[in-house]
Amino acid sequence: MLHEIQRKNVVIAFGTTDFSNVVKGEVLEISDSWIKIQTKKGLEYIKIDAIIKIAVV
C-alpha cells in the first residue's frame, strides 16, 4: 500500500500519539522498513513502524 505514495508530496506524522513530529516532502524510495523523503532541508529517513499518519498533498 505504501508504494502508492512513491514520488508524491506528502506530510508524514511519526512518533507517539502523545508526541509526534511532522516531515513534509517527496517520497523517493520505500523499503520494507524505511521511507526515504526529500525535504527542503535534505534527505530524511523514517522508520515505517514509527509512522502515525500520512497525508498526500
N, C-alpha and C. Protein backbone atom coordinates (compact mmCIF):
# COMPACT_ATOMS: atom_id res chain seq x y z
N MET A 1 0.81 -1.19 0.00
CA MET A 1 0.00 0.00 0.00
C MET A 1 0.86 1.27 0.00
N LEU A 2 1.99 1.26 0.70
CA LEU A 2 2.83 2.45 0.76
C LEU A 2 3.44 2.82 -0.59
N HIS A 3 3.58 1.85 -1.48
CA HIS A 3 4.18 2.15 -2.78
C HIS A 3 3.29 3.08 -3.61
N GLU A 4 2.03 3.26 -3.22
CA GLU A 4 1.13 4.19 -3.90
C GLU A 4 1.57 5.64 -3.71
N ILE A 5 2.32 5.93 -2.63
CA ILE A 5 2.73 7.32 -2.36
C ILE A 5 4.11 7.65 -2.90
N GLN A 6 4.78 6.69 -3.53
CA GLN A 6 6.11 6.94 -4.07
C GLN A 6 6.04 8.03 -5.14
N ARG A 7 6.99 8.96 -5.08
CA ARG A 7 7.10 10.11 -5.99
C ARG A 7 6.00 11.15 -5.78
N LYS A 8 5.31 11.10 -4.64
CA LYS A 8 4.28 12.09 -4.33
C LYS A 8 4.73 12.95 -3.17
N ASN A 9 4.20 14.17 -3.11
CA ASN A 9 4.47 15.05 -1.97
C ASN A 9 3.54 14.67 -0.83
N VAL A 10 4.13 14.49 0.35
CA VAL A 10 3.37 14.03 1.49
C VAL A 10 3.73 14.81 2.75
N VAL A 11 2.86 14.67 3.75
CA VAL A 11 3.14 15.13 5.11
C VAL A 11 3.03 13.87 5.96
N ILE A 12 4.11 13.54 6.67
CA ILE A 12 4.13 12.33 7.49
C ILE A 12 4.27 12.71 8.95
N ALA A 13 3.36 12.22 9.78
CA ALA A 13 3.45 12.38 11.23
C ALA A 13 3.99 11.08 11.80
N PHE A 14 5.01 11.19 12.65
CA PHE A 14 5.59 9.99 13.24
C PHE A 14 5.98 10.26 14.68
N GLY A 15 6.17 9.21 15.44
CA GLY A 15 6.49 9.30 16.85
C GLY A 15 5.43 8.55 17.64
N THR A 16 5.03 9.10 18.75
CA THR A 16 3.94 8.51 19.53
C THR A 16 2.74 9.43 19.42
N THR A 17 1.59 8.95 19.84
CA THR A 17 0.39 9.78 19.76
C THR A 17 0.47 10.98 20.70
N ASP A 18 1.26 10.87 21.79
CA ASP A 18 1.41 11.99 22.72
C ASP A 18 2.41 13.03 22.23
N PHE A 19 3.43 12.57 21.48
CA PHE A 19 4.46 13.48 20.98
C PHE A 19 4.85 13.03 19.59
N SER A 20 4.50 13.83 18.59
CA SER A 20 4.80 13.43 17.22
C SER A 20 5.55 14.54 16.49
N ASN A 21 6.28 14.15 15.47
CA ASN A 21 7.00 15.06 14.58
C ASN A 21 6.35 15.00 13.21
N VAL A 22 6.56 16.04 12.41
CA VAL A 22 5.99 16.08 11.07
C VAL A 22 7.10 16.37 10.07
N VAL A 23 7.07 15.64 8.96
CA VAL A 23 8.01 15.85 7.87
C VAL A 23 7.21 16.06 6.59
N LYS A 24 7.59 17.09 5.81
CA LYS A 24 6.95 17.37 4.53
C LYS A 24 7.98 17.19 3.43
N GLY A 25 7.58 16.50 2.36
CA GLY A 25 8.50 16.34 1.25
C GLY A 25 8.01 15.31 0.25
N GLU A 26 8.91 14.96 -0.69
CA GLU A 26 8.60 13.98 -1.72
C GLU A 26 9.18 12.63 -1.34
N VAL A 27 8.35 11.59 -1.45
CA VAL A 27 8.80 10.23 -1.16
C VAL A 27 9.64 9.75 -2.34
N LEU A 28 10.91 9.44 -2.06
CA LEU A 28 11.81 8.99 -3.11
C LEU A 28 11.87 7.48 -3.21
N GLU A 29 11.88 6.81 -2.04
CA GLU A 29 12.07 5.37 -2.03
C GLU A 29 11.41 4.76 -0.80
N ILE A 30 10.92 3.54 -0.96
CA ILE A 30 10.28 2.82 0.14
C ILE A 30 10.86 1.42 0.19
N SER A 31 11.35 1.03 1.37
CA SER A 31 11.84 -0.33 1.56
C SER A 31 10.91 -1.05 2.54
N ASP A 32 11.31 -2.21 2.99
CA ASP A 32 10.48 -2.97 3.92
C ASP A 32 10.25 -2.25 5.25
N SER A 33 11.23 -1.46 5.69
CA SER A 33 11.07 -0.83 7.00
C SER A 33 11.40 0.67 7.03
N TRP A 34 11.80 1.26 5.90
CA TRP A 34 12.17 2.68 5.88
C TRP A 34 11.54 3.40 4.69
N ILE A 35 11.29 4.71 4.88
CA ILE A 35 10.86 5.59 3.80
C ILE A 35 11.90 6.69 3.66
N LYS A 36 12.35 6.95 2.44
CA LYS A 36 13.33 7.99 2.14
C LYS A 36 12.58 9.18 1.56
N ILE A 37 12.74 10.37 2.19
CA ILE A 37 12.00 11.56 1.79
C ILE A 37 12.95 12.71 1.51
N GLN A 38 12.72 13.40 0.39
CA GLN A 38 13.47 14.61 0.06
C GLN A 38 12.70 15.80 0.62
N THR A 39 13.27 16.49 1.60
CA THR A 39 12.65 17.68 2.17
C THR A 39 13.43 18.90 1.71
N LYS A 40 12.97 20.08 2.10
CA LYS A 40 13.69 21.31 1.75
C LYS A 40 15.09 21.33 2.38
N LYS A 41 15.22 20.67 3.54
CA LYS A 41 16.49 20.66 4.26
C LYS A 41 17.44 19.57 3.79
N GLY A 42 16.94 18.57 3.05
CA GLY A 42 17.78 17.46 2.61
C GLY A 42 17.03 16.15 2.68
N LEU A 43 17.78 15.05 2.71
CA LEU A 43 17.18 13.73 2.77
C LEU A 43 16.86 13.35 4.22
N GLU A 44 15.72 12.70 4.40
CA GLU A 44 15.36 12.17 5.72
C GLU A 44 14.87 10.75 5.54
N TYR A 45 15.16 9.92 6.52
CA TYR A 45 14.74 8.53 6.53
C TYR A 45 13.84 8.33 7.74
N ILE A 46 12.68 7.72 7.52
CA ILE A 46 11.72 7.50 8.60
C ILE A 46 11.42 6.01 8.69
N LYS A 47 11.48 5.48 9.88
CA LYS A 47 11.15 4.08 10.13
C LYS A 47 9.64 3.92 9.99
N ILE A 48 9.20 2.99 9.16
CA ILE A 48 7.78 2.80 8.87
C ILE A 48 6.99 2.48 10.14
N ASP A 49 7.58 1.75 11.06
CA ASP A 49 6.88 1.40 12.30
C ASP A 49 6.53 2.61 13.15
N ALA A 50 7.24 3.72 12.96
CA ALA A 50 7.02 4.93 13.76
C ALA A 50 5.94 5.84 13.18
N ILE A 51 5.48 5.57 11.96
CA ILE A 51 4.52 6.46 11.29
C ILE A 51 3.14 6.35 11.91
N ILE A 52 2.55 7.51 12.18
CA ILE A 52 1.19 7.57 12.71
C ILE A 52 0.20 7.88 11.60
N LYS A 53 0.59 8.81 10.70
CA LYS A 53 -0.34 9.28 9.67
C LYS A 53 0.43 9.78 8.46
N ILE A 54 -0.13 9.57 7.25
CA ILE A 54 0.45 10.10 6.01
C ILE A 54 -0.66 10.81 5.24
N ALA A 55 -0.38 12.05 4.86
CA ALA A 55 -1.32 12.81 4.04
C ALA A 55 -0.64 13.16 2.72
N VAL A 56 -1.29 12.87 1.61
CA VAL A 56 -0.79 13.23 0.29
C VAL A 56 -1.28 14.64 -0.02
N VAL A 57 -0.31 15.52 -0.39
CA VAL A 57 -0.69 16.92 -0.64
C VAL A 57 -0.51 17.27 -2.10
